[in-house]
């Protein structure tokens, strides 16, 4: 289960080496914004060696390459694809054609290195107005696309507005990405909360994102990982209610009822679907077992 995604600068040996013990579900090794142009080659070499030699445990390995409008992105792929990262994050994705261009490059490199065709997934990082408006086109452009990801800092610069802690300026973008991702059948991840020291603000921001339908949230600091993991994990209250839903449905079946209620509310298909998702998430995290027969 991918709840937290932690950005790590690919030119920081200490951060890269210790990534597997920082508690995140996914590690995003950043070859783009975190690395200045004169350090790109060294960062690439460091990351390639780390991916080849280090065991990151259960952490999913994601590489944020440089944008398609730079001379670096192809070099990034040539360095890391032979090492088998699970996902490539494409910054400033503008739409479906950007995804297809990356798809073609990945197919070529997988073939050249004897890797299973299509094994490398894509996360589309949407951080421009055009990217947000073309979110569904990006999400549905290739079977490789596993998730959409909102980048609010660059987006607000493109929108010519201030990035605020409250986040009203990105509400439309958040909602648009969630709808596009769910329509395309992929996951969707929220932008990082950038105040490293405001854990209460992080909790509120993560709760709001979860309420909108985001799968998880990115982090720019290891200090944020545990809070994000907690916020995007089913709570005991949610798990207990989900089990009550299934128990009520089963009682109704035994009694031959076509409709059942719980706590004075009718249990319809959407409620059952949400309950199933809660129990499946809990099972993946080792907390509960979902009843596959319900």
Protein backbone atom coordinates (compact mmCIF):
# COMPACT_ATOMS: atom_id res chain seq x y z
CA UNK A 1 0.00 0.00 0.00
CA UNK A 2 1.42 3.34 -1.07
CA UNK A 3 0.45 5.99 1.50
CA UNK A 4 3.57 8.10 1.88
CA UNK A 5 6.06 9.03 -0.83
CA UNK A 6 9.28 10.62 0.43
CA UNK A 7 11.42 12.80 -1.81
CA UNK A 8 15.16 12.19 -1.45
CA UNK A 9 17.76 14.23 -3.35
CA UNK A 10 19.69 11.82 -5.54
CA UNK A 11 22.91 13.75 -4.93
CA UNK A 12 22.81 13.19 -1.15
CA UNK A 13 24.59 9.91 -0.30
CA UNK A 14 23.45 9.93 3.32
CA UNK A 15 19.78 10.37 2.44
CA UNK A 16 19.89 7.81 -0.36
CA UNK A 17 21.69 5.16 1.69
CA UNK A 18 19.30 5.52 4.64
CA UNK A 19 16.11 5.78 2.57
CA UNK A 20 14.94 2.28 3.42
CA UNK A 21 14.71 2.96 7.17
CA UNK A 22 12.80 6.26 7.04
CA UNK A 23 9.36 4.64 7.13
CA UNK A 24 7.96 5.74 3.78
CA UNK A 25 6.09 3.34 1.54
CA UNK A 26 7.78 4.82 -1.54
CA UNK A 27 11.04 6.67 -2.03
CA UNK A 28 11.26 9.28 -4.78
CA UNK A 29 14.90 9.67 -5.77
CA UNK A 30 14.99 13.14 -7.24
CA UNK A 31 17.22 13.87 -10.23
CA UNK A 32 15.32 17.03 -11.13
CA UNK A 33 14.74 20.00 -8.81
CA UNK A 34 17.00 18.78 -6.03
CA UNK A 35 20.05 18.56 -8.30
CA UNK A 36 21.76 21.54 -9.94
CA UNK A 37 22.84 21.20 -13.59
CA UNK A 38 26.52 20.85 -12.71
CA UNK A 39 25.72 17.91 -10.39
CA UNK A 40 23.41 15.93 -12.69
CA UNK A 41 26.09 13.46 -13.85
CA UNK A 42 27.33 12.75 -10.33
CA UNK A 43 23.79 12.33 -8.99
CA UNK A 44 22.98 9.91 -11.81
CA UNK A 45 26.06 7.82 -11.04
CA UNK A 46 25.32 7.80 -7.31
CA UNK A 47 21.73 6.75 -7.81
CA UNK A 48 22.59 4.03 -10.30
CA UNK A 49 25.09 2.53 -7.84
CA UNK A 50 22.62 2.78 -4.96
CA UNK A 51 19.82 1.08 -6.87
CA UNK A 52 22.19 -1.69 -7.89
CA UNK A 53 23.82 -2.31 -4.50
CA UNK A 54 21.33 -1.39 -1.77
CA UNK A 55 18.32 -3.22 -0.42
CA UNK A 56 15.54 -0.74 0.29
CA UNK A 57 13.35 -3.40 1.86
CA UNK A 58 9.66 -3.01 1.16
CA UNK A 59 10.06 0.55 -0.10
CA UNK A 60 8.96 1.13 -3.65
CA UNK A 61 11.67 2.85 -5.70
CA UNK A 62 10.61 5.83 -7.77
CA UNK A 63 12.94 8.02 -9.82
CA UNK A 64 11.94 11.56 -10.70
CA UNK A 65 13.74 12.24 -13.95
CA UNK A 66 14.27 15.62 -15.56
CA UNK A 67 11.63 17.03 -17.83
CA UNK A 68 11.21 16.14 -21.48
CA UNK A 69 12.15 19.73 -22.42
CA UNK A 70 15.66 19.26 -20.98
CA UNK A 71 18.74 17.45 -22.33
CA UNK A 72 18.92 15.30 -19.19
CA UNK A 73 15.87 13.03 -19.17
CA UNK A 74 17.16 10.44 -21.61
CA UNK A 75 20.47 10.21 -19.74
CA UNK A 76 18.50 9.72 -16.52
CA UNK A 77 16.61 6.80 -17.99
CA UNK A 78 19.70 5.19 -19.48
CA UNK A 79 21.34 5.27 -16.04
CA UNK A 80 18.49 3.92 -13.91
CA UNK A 81 16.31 1.65 -16.05
CA UNK A 82 18.87 -1.22 -16.04
CA UNK A 83 18.64 -1.11 -12.22
CA UNK A 84 14.91 -1.84 -12.34
CA UNK A 85 13.14 0.95 -10.43
CA UNK A 86 9.44 0.28 -10.08
CA UNK A 87 8.31 3.70 -11.26
CA UNK A 88 9.50 6.72 -13.19
CA UNK A 89 8.03 10.09 -12.22
CA UNK A 90 7.66 12.48 -15.15
CA UNK A 91 7.73 16.14 -14.08
CA UNK A 92 5.60 18.79 -15.74
CA UNK A 93 3.52 16.26 -17.61
CA UNK A 94 1.48 18.27 -20.07
CA UNK A 95 -0.82 15.56 -21.38
CA UNK A 96 -1.06 12.26 -23.17
CA UNK A 97 1.69 12.83 -25.73
CA UNK A 98 4.30 13.38 -22.98
CA UNK A 99 3.33 10.03 -21.48
CA UNK A 100 3.51 8.30 -24.84
CA UNK A 101 6.95 9.76 -25.51
CA UNK A 102 8.21 8.44 -22.17
CA UNK A 103 6.49 5.10 -22.81
CA UNK A 104 8.35 4.70 -26.10
CA UNK A 105 11.68 5.43 -24.46
CA UNK A 106 11.00 2.97 -21.64
CA UNK A 107 10.01 0.26 -24.10
CA UNK A 108 13.22 0.78 -26.05
CA UNK A 109 15.41 0.64 -22.94
CA UNK A 110 13.63 -2.37 -21.45
CA UNK A 111 14.18 -4.24 -24.70
CA UNK A 112 17.83 -3.22 -24.86
CA UNK A 113 18.48 -4.49 -21.33
CA UNK A 114 16.44 -7.69 -21.50
CA UNK A 115 13.78 -6.47 -19.09
CA UNK A 116 10.15 -7.54 -19.18
CA UNK A 117 8.28 -5.21 -21.54
CA UNK A 118 6.09 -2.78 -19.64
CA UNK A 119 7.58 -3.56 -16.22
CA UNK A 120 8.43 0.08 -15.49
CA UNK A 121 5.46 2.13 -14.36
CA UNK A 122 4.92 5.86 -14.70
CA UNK A 123 3.70 8.47 -12.25
CA UNK A 124 2.57 11.62 -14.03
CA UNK A 125 3.53 14.71 -12.05
CA UNK A 126 1.05 17.45 -12.95
CA UNK A 127 2.31 20.88 -11.98
CA UNK A 128 1.15 23.24 -14.70
CA UNK A 129 -2.25 24.59 -15.68
CA UNK A 130 -2.10 22.60 -18.92
CA UNK A 131 -1.18 19.45 -17.03
CA UNK A 132 -4.13 19.79 -14.67
CA UNK A 133 -6.56 20.39 -17.53
CA UNK A 134 -5.15 17.35 -19.38
CA UNK A 135 -5.10 15.10 -16.32
CA UNK A 136 -7.38 12.40 -17.72
CA UNK A 137 -5.52 12.33 -21.03
CA UNK A 138 -2.28 11.74 -19.15
CA UNK A 139 -3.79 9.13 -16.85
CA UNK A 140 -5.25 7.12 -19.73
CA UNK A 141 -2.42 7.50 -22.25
CA UNK A 142 -0.59 4.28 -21.36
CA UNK A 143 -1.07 1.14 -19.25
CA UNK A 144 2.21 2.10 -17.62
CA UNK A 145 0.58 5.03 -15.81
CA UNK A 146 -0.05 3.95 -12.23
CA UNK A 147 -0.83 7.29 -10.61
CA UNK A 148 -1.27 11.03 -10.96
CA UNK A 149 0.64 13.32 -8.63
CA UNK A 150 -0.07 16.97 -7.88
CA UNK A 151 2.82 19.42 -7.71
CA UNK A 152 1.36 22.55 -6.14
CA UNK A 153 4.47 24.73 -5.89
CA UNK A 154 5.13 24.92 -9.62
CA UNK A 155 1.41 24.93 -10.34
CA UNK A 156 0.73 28.04 -8.26
CA UNK A 157 3.65 29.78 -9.95
CA UNK A 158 2.11 28.93 -13.31
CA UNK A 159 -1.28 30.14 -12.09
CA UNK A 160 0.32 33.39 -10.82
CA UNK A 161 -1.13 33.01 -7.36
CA UNK A 162 0.30 32.67 -3.88
CA UNK A 163 0.75 29.24 -2.35
CA UNK A 164 -0.97 29.34 1.03
CA UNK A 165 -1.08 26.98 3.96
CA UNK A 166 -4.87 26.78 3.72
CA UNK A 167 -4.68 25.66 0.07
CA UNK A 168 -7.84 27.25 -1.34
CA UNK A 169 -5.88 28.11 -4.48
CA UNK A 170 -5.29 24.42 -5.31
CA UNK A 171 -8.73 23.04 -4.44
CA UNK A 172 -9.81 22.91 -8.09
CA UNK A 173 -6.57 21.17 -9.12
CA UNK A 174 -6.87 18.66 -6.32
CA UNK A 175 -10.44 17.82 -7.23
CA UNK A 176 -9.65 17.64 -10.93
CA UNK A 177 -6.80 15.18 -10.38
CA UNK A 178 -8.86 12.94 -8.12
CA UNK A 179 -11.70 12.76 -10.66
CA UNK A 180 -9.32 12.15 -13.57
CA UNK A 181 -7.38 9.45 -11.76
CA UNK A 182 -10.46 7.58 -10.56
CA UNK A 183 -12.03 7.80 -14.02
CA UNK A 184 -8.87 6.28 -15.50
CA UNK A 185 -8.56 3.63 -12.79
CA UNK A 186 -5.24 4.82 -11.36
CA UNK A 187 -4.15 6.13 -7.97
CA UNK A 188 -3.66 9.80 -7.08
CA UNK A 189 -1.21 11.50 -4.71
CA UNK A 190 -1.32 14.87 -3.02
CA UNK A 191 1.33 17.56 -3.03
CA UNK A 192 3.72 17.80 -0.05
CA UNK A 193 3.00 20.04 2.91
CA UNK A 194 6.04 22.28 2.89
CA UNK A 195 6.23 23.58 6.47
CA UNK A 196 8.53 20.98 8.02
CA UNK A 197 7.88 22.08 11.60
CA UNK A 198 4.08 22.40 11.51
CA UNK A 199 2.90 18.87 12.23
CA UNK A 200 -0.60 20.01 13.18
CA UNK A 201 -0.91 21.78 9.85
CA UNK A 202 0.34 18.65 8.11
CA UNK A 203 -2.31 16.55 9.83
CA UNK A 204 -5.09 18.92 8.79
CA UNK A 205 -3.80 19.08 5.22
CA UNK A 206 -3.48 15.29 4.96
CA UNK A 207 -6.96 14.77 6.42
CA UNK A 208 -8.41 17.19 3.88
CA UNK A 209 -6.62 15.44 1.00
CA UNK A 210 -7.85 12.05 2.18
CA UNK A 211 -11.37 13.43 2.36
CA UNK A 212 -11.13 14.51 -1.27
CA UNK A 213 -10.19 10.99 -2.30
CA UNK A 214 -6.39 11.05 -2.56
CA UNK A 215 -4.66 7.70 -2.11
CA UNK A 216 -1.72 9.17 -0.24
CA UNK A 217 0.56 12.17 0.09
CA UNK A 218 4.13 13.12 -0.70
CA UNK A 219 6.61 14.23 1.95
CA UNK A 220 9.68 16.41 1.68
CA UNK A 221 10.88 15.55 5.19
CA UNK A 222 11.26 12.21 7.00
CA UNK A 223 9.61 13.94 9.96
CA UNK A 224 6.31 13.98 8.03
CA UNK A 225 6.23 10.31 7.08
CA UNK A 226 4.67 8.83 10.21
CA UNK A 227 1.85 11.41 10.26
CA UNK A 228 1.04 10.81 6.59
CA UNK A 229 1.11 7.05 7.08
CA UNK A 230 -1.26 7.35 10.01
CA UNK A 231 -3.66 9.69 8.22
CA UNK A 232 -3.90 7.47 5.13
CA UNK A 233 -4.27 4.22 7.06
CA UNK A 234 -7.73 3.01 8.10
CA UNK A 235 -8.46 3.97 11.68
CA UNK A 236 -9.79 1.47 14.20
CA UNK A 237 -13.14 3.28 14.04
CA UNK A 238 -13.25 2.93 10.24
CA UNK A 239 -12.31 -0.75 10.40
CA UNK A 240 -14.91 -1.52 13.05
CA UNK A 241 -17.63 0.24 11.06
CA UNK A 242 -16.63 -1.56 7.86
CA UNK A 243 -16.96 -4.91 9.60
CA UNK A 244 -20.34 -3.88 10.99
CA UNK A 245 -21.47 -3.09 7.45
CA UNK A 246 -20.56 -6.56 6.24
CA UNK A 247 -22.14 -8.17 9.28
CA UNK A 248 -25.37 -6.23 8.65
CA UNK A 249 -25.38 -7.27 4.99
CA UNK A 250 -24.87 -10.91 5.96
CA UNK A 251 -27.69 -10.77 8.52
CA UNK A 252 -29.95 -9.32 5.86
CA UNK A 253 -29.09 -12.15 3.49
CA UNK A 254 -29.83 -14.79 6.10
CA UNK A 255 -33.19 -13.13 6.82
CA UNK A 256 -34.04 -12.82 3.13
CA UNK A 257 -34.10 -9.01 3.24
CA UNK A 258 -33.37 -7.04 0.08
CA UNK A 259 -32.39 -3.93 2.06
CA UNK A 260 -30.70 -3.57 5.43
CA UNK A 261 -29.92 -0.68 7.72
CA UNK A 262 -27.14 0.06 10.20
CA UNK A 263 -27.32 2.72 12.88
CA UNK A 264 -30.50 4.02 11.28
CA UNK A 265 -28.99 4.36 7.79
CA UNK A 266 -29.69 2.21 4.77
CA UNK A 267 -26.72 0.16 3.59
CA UNK A 268 -26.44 0.59 -0.16
CA UNK A 269 -23.83 -0.49 -2.69
CA UNK A 270 -21.54 2.57 -2.31
CA UNK A 271 -21.34 2.06 1.46
CA UNK A 272 -20.47 -1.60 0.97
CA UNK A 273 -17.84 -0.66 -1.62
CA UNK A 274 -16.22 1.85 0.76
CA UNK A 275 -16.27 -0.70 3.57
CA UNK A 276 -14.57 -3.24 1.34
CA UNK A 277 -11.81 -0.75 0.48
CA UNK A 278 -11.24 -0.06 4.18
CA UNK A 279 -10.88 -3.74 5.03
CA UNK A 280 -8.68 -4.45 2.02
CA UNK A 281 -6.38 -1.58 3.02
CA UNK A 282 -6.29 -2.83 6.60
CA UNK A 283 -5.48 -6.34 5.41
CA UNK A 284 -2.63 -5.04 3.26
CA UNK A 285 -1.23 -3.25 6.29
CA UNK A 286 -1.57 -6.38 8.40
CA UNK A 287 -4.40 -5.11 10.55
CA UNK A 288 -7.51 -7.00 9.49
CA UNK A 289 -8.68 -9.57 6.99
CA UNK A 290 -11.21 -8.58 4.35
CA UNK A 291 -14.08 -10.97 3.87
CA UNK A 292 -13.82 -11.82 0.18
CA UNK A 293 -17.19 -13.58 0.23
CA UNK A 294 -19.20 -10.45 1.01
